[in-house]
Amino acid sequence: MKIKKLYKKARALGKSIVYPEAAFSDRTIEAIKYVHKKKIAKPILIGDESALAIRDKALINEQIINPKTFQKTNEFARALYIKRKDKGMTLEEAEKLILDPYYFATMLVQEGYADGMVAGAECSTANAIRPALQIIKAKKKNGRVSSCFLIHGDNKFLKDKQILLADCGLIIDPSADELVEIAKSSVLTYEALGLQNPKVAFLSYSTHGSASGQSVEKVRTATAKFKKLEIPCDGELQLDAALVPTVAKHKCPDSPLEGDANILIMPNLDTGNIVSKAIQYFGGLKATGPILQGLKKPINDLSRGCTAEDIITMTAITVLQCEEDK
């Protein structure tokens, strides 16, 4: 499926997406104008109306919300205080924090004024998603929020195929049980994007016992637990055994994936982060993410190296996650 098909699917849903970085991100403004023109989503910009209009006259036609003048800001502050008072937050601190564009935009999603949020082009992952973890929270009680990257583009190897990599942005050293949860969430994300026939590979430096070690055992345990779900999967597998049919025939001829995996579960965050960037810069492919998984409502992060096109693609992904949650 070409990535533009994501845009078409998103266009049919008519969801509203809020952008907390609109007031200070040229890439975000460029993306918003395209999103509006192509009707991929209904943009909501956070910032001062006059300042944004001066910055770009085309933004006059966009919905702009200023936290300082919005009629619900005080209510948002109190709601934030109620959510965080057990963690020591005072009402005065909440009233100050709600003016932060990331917290304010997250509250717009929480309270139903926006369907989802896209941010992170101008800040670290921690700053972009901290409000979501504190306000939106995980779908399951004591559940873990994870992330994935959508790998797409044109080269001789990938062709028209899309691959998900997880976790590449949040859980540093997942346990076997957490790897299973990451894989489950990744399958849901894969299907929410309209992709079919998920095939999950749990990656390692070993393929079917070619090496040993604590990390290998963790991946084997996760694979065994995940197999109970009856979703095509295998592990532990090296990257080439998971993705290259000719290599799979030699290294793991009995693998049900036959070298055609499309969801790759990383053993830890080191691996996920390095692999996602290596694929992007060495392979010339697009790596859109981190796409957050497991939140009650869709809030998504961006790499600070993202392009306007990445923001557009992430907007479409966020819209489709809204439908998944529905």
Protein backbone atom coordinates (compact mmCIF):
# COMPACT_ATOMS: atom_id res chain seq x y z
CA MET A 1 0.00 0.00 0.00
CA LYS A 2 1.41 3.38 -1.02
CA ILE A 3 1.69 5.90 1.80
CA LYS A 4 -0.70 8.29 0.00
CA LYS A 5 -3.45 5.73 0.61
CA LEU A 6 -3.14 6.58 4.29
CA TYR A 7 -4.04 10.16 3.40
CA LYS A 8 -7.11 9.02 1.49
CA LYS A 9 -8.30 6.84 4.36
CA ALA A 10 -7.76 9.69 6.83
CA ARG A 11 -9.62 12.17 4.61
CA ALA A 12 -12.79 10.10 4.85
CA LEU A 13 -12.87 10.30 8.66
CA GLY A 14 -12.93 14.07 9.23
CA LYS A 15 -10.99 14.05 12.51
CA SER A 16 -9.50 17.13 14.24
CA ILE A 17 -5.79 17.11 15.11
CA VAL A 18 -4.14 19.69 17.37
CA TYR A 19 -0.60 21.01 16.81
CA PRO A 20 0.95 22.59 19.92
CA GLU A 21 4.07 23.69 17.99
CA ALA A 22 2.29 25.75 15.33
CA ALA A 23 3.44 29.04 16.86
CA PHE A 24 7.16 28.25 16.60
CA SER A 25 7.70 25.55 13.96
CA ASP A 26 8.01 26.35 10.26
CA ARG A 27 7.84 22.65 9.37
CA THR A 28 4.60 22.29 11.29
CA ILE A 29 3.06 25.29 9.54
CA GLU A 30 4.03 23.88 6.14
CA ALA A 31 2.46 20.53 7.06
CA ILE A 32 -0.72 22.12 8.44
CA LYS A 33 -1.35 24.01 5.21
CA TYR A 34 -1.09 20.77 3.23
CA VAL A 35 -3.27 18.88 5.70
CA HIS A 36 -5.92 21.61 5.42
CA LYS A 37 -5.73 21.79 1.61
CA LYS A 38 -6.00 18.02 1.16
CA LYS A 39 -8.54 17.67 3.99
CA ILE A 40 -6.49 14.94 5.69
CA ALA A 41 -7.64 16.32 9.03
CA LYS A 42 -9.12 19.44 10.59
CA PRO A 43 -6.10 21.27 12.07
CA ILE A 44 -6.24 23.08 15.40
CA LEU A 45 -3.31 25.43 16.01
CA ILE A 46 -2.16 26.49 19.48
CA GLY A 47 -0.92 30.08 19.67
CA ASP A 48 -1.81 33.73 19.41
CA GLU A 49 -4.22 34.37 16.54
CA SER A 50 -2.72 37.71 15.49
CA ALA A 51 0.87 36.50 15.66
CA LEU A 52 0.12 33.42 13.57
CA ALA A 53 -1.79 35.47 10.98
CA ILE A 54 1.17 37.84 10.68
CA ARG A 55 3.51 34.88 10.36
CA ASP A 56 1.51 33.41 7.48
CA LYS A 57 -1.66 34.96 6.01
CA ALA A 58 -2.88 31.51 4.93
CA LEU A 59 -3.42 30.65 8.61
CA ILE A 60 -6.33 33.10 8.87
CA ASN A 61 -8.58 30.26 7.69
CA GLU A 62 -7.35 27.81 10.35
CA GLN A 63 -8.83 27.19 13.79
CA ILE A 64 -6.47 28.81 16.27
CA ILE A 65 -6.82 28.51 20.06
CA ASN A 66 -4.92 30.77 22.45
CA PRO A 67 -4.57 29.19 25.92
CA LYS A 68 -4.50 32.66 27.50
CA THR A 69 -7.93 33.63 26.15
CA PHE A 70 -9.72 30.28 25.72
CA GLN A 71 -12.90 30.17 27.81
CA LYS A 72 -12.16 26.71 29.22
CA THR A 73 -8.56 27.27 30.30
CA ASN A 74 -9.41 27.64 34.00
CA GLU A 75 -11.49 24.46 33.85
CA PHE A 76 -8.56 22.69 32.17
CA ALA A 77 -6.23 23.87 34.93
CA ARG A 78 -8.52 22.52 37.61
CA ALA A 79 -8.91 19.20 35.78
CA LEU A 80 -5.12 18.95 35.52
CA TYR A 81 -4.80 19.71 39.24
CA ILE A 82 -7.31 16.96 40.12
CA LYS A 83 -5.39 14.45 38.01
CA ARG A 84 -2.00 15.35 39.50
CA LYS A 85 -2.69 16.45 43.07
CA ASP A 86 -1.82 12.98 44.37
CA LYS A 87 1.62 13.53 42.81
CA GLY A 88 2.03 16.78 44.72
CA MET A 89 0.81 19.30 42.13
CA THR A 90 -0.88 22.43 43.52
CA LEU A 91 -3.68 24.34 41.80
CA GLU A 92 -1.32 27.28 41.31
CA GLU A 93 1.18 25.02 39.55
CA ALA A 94 -1.58 23.58 37.35
CA GLU A 95 -2.76 27.08 36.38
CA LYS A 96 0.77 27.90 35.26
CA LEU A 97 1.42 24.57 33.53
CA ILE A 98 -1.81 24.61 31.51
CA LEU A 99 -0.43 27.56 29.53
CA ASP A 100 2.33 25.30 28.24
CA PRO A 101 1.27 24.46 24.64
CA TYR A 102 1.96 20.74 25.05
CA TYR A 103 -0.11 20.41 28.23
CA PHE A 104 -2.88 22.62 26.85
CA ALA A 105 -3.10 20.66 23.58
CA THR A 106 -3.16 17.38 25.49
CA MET A 107 -6.07 18.67 27.57
CA LEU A 108 -7.92 19.59 24.37
CA VAL A 109 -7.69 15.93 23.38
CA GLN A 110 -8.59 14.69 26.86
CA GLU A 111 -11.69 16.89 27.02
CA GLY A 112 -12.86 16.05 23.49
CA TYR A 113 -12.13 19.36 21.74
CA ALA A 114 -9.64 17.54 19.47
CA ASP A 115 -9.45 13.91 18.39
CA GLY A 116 -5.65 13.60 18.51
CA MET A 117 -2.36 15.47 18.77
CA VAL A 118 0.89 15.58 16.78
CA ALA A 119 4.01 17.17 18.31
CA GLY A 120 7.73 16.68 18.85
CA ALA A 121 9.30 18.46 15.88
CA GLU A 122 10.74 21.08 18.24
CA CYS A 123 11.24 19.20 21.51
CA SER A 124 12.46 15.92 22.95
CA THR A 125 10.27 12.83 23.08
CA ALA A 126 10.12 13.17 26.86
CA ASN A 127 8.69 16.69 26.71
CA ALA A 128 6.24 15.84 23.92
CA ILE A 129 4.69 12.80 25.56
CA ARG A 130 5.01 13.55 29.28
CA PRO A 131 1.63 15.36 29.33
CA ALA A 132 0.00 12.41 27.56
CA LEU A 133 1.36 9.92 30.08
CA GLN A 134 0.13 12.12 32.94
CA ILE A 135 -3.25 13.14 31.50
CA ILE A 136 -4.42 10.68 28.82
CA LYS A 137 -2.72 7.63 30.39
CA ALA A 138 -2.64 4.02 29.23
CA LYS A 139 -5.73 2.12 28.06
CA LYS A 140 -5.16 -0.66 30.56
CA LYS A 141 -4.70 -0.19 34.29
CA ASN A 142 -0.97 -0.50 34.96
CA GLY A 143 -0.52 -0.93 31.19
CA ARG A 144 2.63 0.16 29.39
CA VAL A 145 2.65 2.69 26.57
CA SER A 146 5.08 1.71 23.82
CA SER A 147 6.03 3.09 20.43
CA CYS A 148 6.80 2.03 16.91
CA PHE A 149 8.13 3.47 13.67
CA LEU A 150 6.49 3.01 10.27
CA ILE A 151 9.21 2.26 7.70
CA HIS A 152 8.20 3.08 4.16
CA GLY A 153 9.57 4.36 0.87
CA ASP A 154 11.03 3.10 -2.38
CA ASN A 155 14.15 1.01 -2.70
CA LYS A 156 14.99 -2.34 -4.31
CA PHE A 157 14.57 -4.20 -1.04
CA LEU A 158 11.40 -2.74 0.45
CA LYS A 159 9.50 -1.99 -2.79
CA ASP A 160 5.87 -1.25 -1.79
CA LYS A 161 6.10 -2.97 1.59
CA GLN A 162 5.59 -1.18 4.93
CA ILE A 163 7.25 -2.41 8.11
CA LEU A 164 6.68 -1.53 11.76
CA LEU A 165 9.62 -1.43 14.19
CA ALA A 166 8.90 -1.52 17.94
CA ASP A 167 9.77 -0.38 20.55
CA CYS A 168 12.03 2.41 19.28
CA GLY A 169 11.21 5.26 21.62
CA LEU A 170 9.99 4.44 25.13
CA ILE A 171 10.67 1.17 26.98
CA ILE A 172 14.41 0.91 27.59
CA ASP A 173 14.84 -2.76 28.45
CA PRO A 174 11.50 -4.58 28.13
CA SER A 175 10.91 -7.89 29.89
CA ALA A 176 9.60 -10.90 27.98
CA ASP A 177 6.04 -10.03 29.04
CA GLU A 178 6.54 -6.43 27.93
CA LEU A 179 7.83 -7.62 24.54
CA VAL A 180 4.59 -9.56 24.16
CA GLU A 181 2.54 -6.44 24.98
CA ILE A 182 4.62 -4.36 22.55
CA ALA A 183 3.95 -6.95 19.83
CA LYS A 184 0.20 -6.98 20.56
CA SER A 185 0.04 -3.18 20.36
CA SER A 186 2.07 -3.18 17.16
CA VAL A 187 -0.35 -5.59 15.49
CA LEU A 188 -3.24 -3.26 16.42
CA THR A 189 -1.35 -0.28 14.99
CA TYR A 190 -0.50 -2.21 11.82
CA GLU A 191 -4.14 -3.10 11.26
CA ALA A 192 -5.36 0.42 12.13
CA LEU A 193 -3.26 1.72 9.23
CA GLY A 194 -5.15 -0.54 6.86
CA LEU A 195 -2.25 -2.97 6.47
CA GLN A 196 -3.05 -6.67 6.24
CA ASN A 197 -1.58 -10.02 7.25
CA PRO A 198 0.67 -9.04 10.18
CA LYS A 199 3.74 -11.25 10.56
CA VAL A 200 5.70 -10.67 13.75
CA ALA A 201 9.44 -11.32 14.14
CA PHE A 202 11.07 -11.12 17.58
CA LEU A 203 14.62 -10.02 16.76
CA SER A 204 17.89 -11.05 18.35
CA TYR A 205 21.56 -11.61 17.54
CA SER A 206 20.66 -15.31 17.37
CA THR A 207 18.49 -17.33 14.98
CA HIS A 208 16.86 -20.47 16.38
CA GLY A 209 19.63 -21.28 18.83
CA SER A 210 22.67 -20.14 16.84
CA ALA A 211 23.85 -18.22 19.93
CA SER A 212 22.97 -17.97 23.60
CA GLY A 213 22.66 -15.33 26.27
CA GLN A 214 20.23 -13.62 28.62
CA SER A 215 18.78 -11.41 25.86
CA VAL A 216 18.26 -14.44 23.61
CA GLU A 217 16.39 -16.29 26.33
CA LYS A 218 14.16 -13.27 26.91
CA VAL A 219 13.25 -13.12 23.21
CA ARG A 220 12.59 -16.89 23.09
CA THR A 221 10.27 -16.63 26.08
CA ALA A 222 8.38 -13.71 24.55
CA THR A 223 7.96 -15.58 21.26
CA ALA A 224 6.60 -18.67 23.01
CA LYS A 225 4.02 -16.57 24.87
CA PHE A 226 3.00 -14.60 21.80
CA LYS A 227 2.47 -17.77 19.73
CA LYS A 228 -0.57 -18.55 21.88
CA LEU A 229 -2.38 -15.69 20.12
CA GLU A 230 -2.20 -17.57 16.82
CA ILE A 231 -0.83 -14.56 14.94
CA PRO A 232 1.98 -15.55 12.51
CA CYS A 233 5.25 -15.02 14.37
CA ASP A 234 8.71 -16.40 14.98
CA GLY A 235 11.77 -15.81 17.12
CA GLU A 236 14.43 -15.56 18.04
CA LEU A 237 15.51 -14.31 14.60
CA GLN A 238 18.33 -12.21 13.22
CA LEU A 239 17.24 -9.31 11.04
CA ASP A 240 18.21 -10.95 7.74
CA ALA A 241 16.45 -14.19 8.66
CA ALA A 242 13.29 -12.20 9.39
CA LEU A 243 13.28 -10.20 6.17
CA VAL A 244 15.19 -12.05 3.41
CA PRO A 245 13.58 -15.26 2.09
CA THR A 246 16.82 -16.70 0.71
CA VAL A 247 18.57 -16.18 4.07
CA ALA A 248 15.60 -17.65 5.96
CA LYS A 249 15.83 -20.84 3.87
CA HIS A 250 19.38 -21.39 5.13
CA LYS A 251 19.14 -20.14 8.73
CA CYS A 252 15.58 -21.14 9.67
CA PRO A 253 13.98 -23.29 6.94
CA ASP A 254 11.12 -24.22 9.28
CA SER A 255 10.19 -20.58 10.08
CA PRO A 256 6.50 -19.84 9.39
CA LEU A 257 7.48 -16.31 8.35
CA GLU A 258 9.72 -17.51 5.49
CA GLY A 259 11.70 -14.26 5.62
CA ASP A 260 8.63 -12.09 5.06
CA ALA A 261 8.09 -10.41 8.45
CA ASN A 262 6.41 -6.99 8.51
CA ILE A 263 6.44 -6.25 12.27
CA LEU A 264 9.87 -6.32 13.91
CA ILE A 265 10.04 -6.44 17.72
CA MET A 266 13.34 -5.14 19.06
CA PRO A 267 14.93 -6.69 22.18
CA ASN A 268 15.65 -3.27 23.73
CA LEU A 269 15.58 0.46 23.08
CA ASP A 270 19.25 0.64 22.05
CA THR A 271 18.55 -1.71 19.17
CA GLY A 272 15.28 -0.05 18.19
CA ASN A 273 16.69 3.46 18.11
CA ILE A 274 19.82 2.50 16.18
CA VAL A 275 18.02 0.28 13.65
CA SER A 276 15.32 2.87 12.89
CA LYS A 277 17.91 5.57 12.19
CA ALA A 278 20.20 3.23 10.23
CA ILE A 279 17.32 2.19 7.97
CA GLN A 280 16.37 5.81 7.44
CA TYR A 281 19.81 7.25 6.70
CA PHE A 282 21.68 4.28 5.20
CA GLY A 283 18.71 2.78 3.41
CA GLY A 284 17.18 6.04 2.18
CA LEU A 285 13.76 5.10 3.56
CA LYS A 286 11.25 7.06 5.62
CA ALA A 287 10.92 6.30 9.32
CA THR A 288 7.76 7.96 10.66
CA GLY A 289 7.48 7.97 14.41
CA PRO A 290 7.57 7.40 17.27
CA ILE A 291 3.93 6.32 16.93
CA LEU A 292 2.61 5.89 20.45
CA GLN A 293 0.69 2.72 21.29
CA GLY A 294 -1.51 1.89 24.26
CA LEU A 295 -2.83 5.37 25.13
CA LYS A 296 -6.54 5.94 25.70
CA LYS A 297 -6.49 8.63 22.98
CA PRO A 298 -3.99 9.16 20.13
CA ILE A 299 -1.06 11.43 20.92
CA ASN A 300 1.95 11.07 18.64
CA ASP A 301 5.56 12.15 18.76
CA LEU A 302 7.92 13.22 15.98
CA SER A 303 11.65 13.02 15.56
CA ARG A 304 13.32 16.42 15.80
CA GLY A 305 14.88 15.56 12.44
CA CYS A 306 11.44 15.23 10.83
CA THR A 307 10.35 16.92 7.62
CA ALA A 308 7.01 18.55 6.85
CA GLU A 309 6.15 15.38 4.93
CA ASP A 310 6.78 13.32 8.08
CA ILE A 311 4.37 15.55 10.00
CA ILE A 312 1.73 15.09 7.31
CA THR A 313 2.14 11.31 7.40
CA MET A 314 1.99 11.29 11.20
CA THR A 315 -1.20 13.34 11.03
CA ALA A 316 -2.82 10.68 8.82
CA ILE A 317 -1.62 7.92 11.17
CA THR A 318 -3.06 9.77 14.17
CA VAL A 319 -6.42 10.14 12.42
CA LEU A 320 -6.52 6.41 11.71
CA GLN A 321 -5.68 5.66 15.35
CA CYS A 322 -8.74 7.72 16.33
CA GLU A 323 -10.85 5.27 14.37
CA GLU A 324 -9.05 2.31 15.99
CA ASP A 325 -9.94 3.65 19.43
CA LYS A 326 -13.54 4.12 18.34
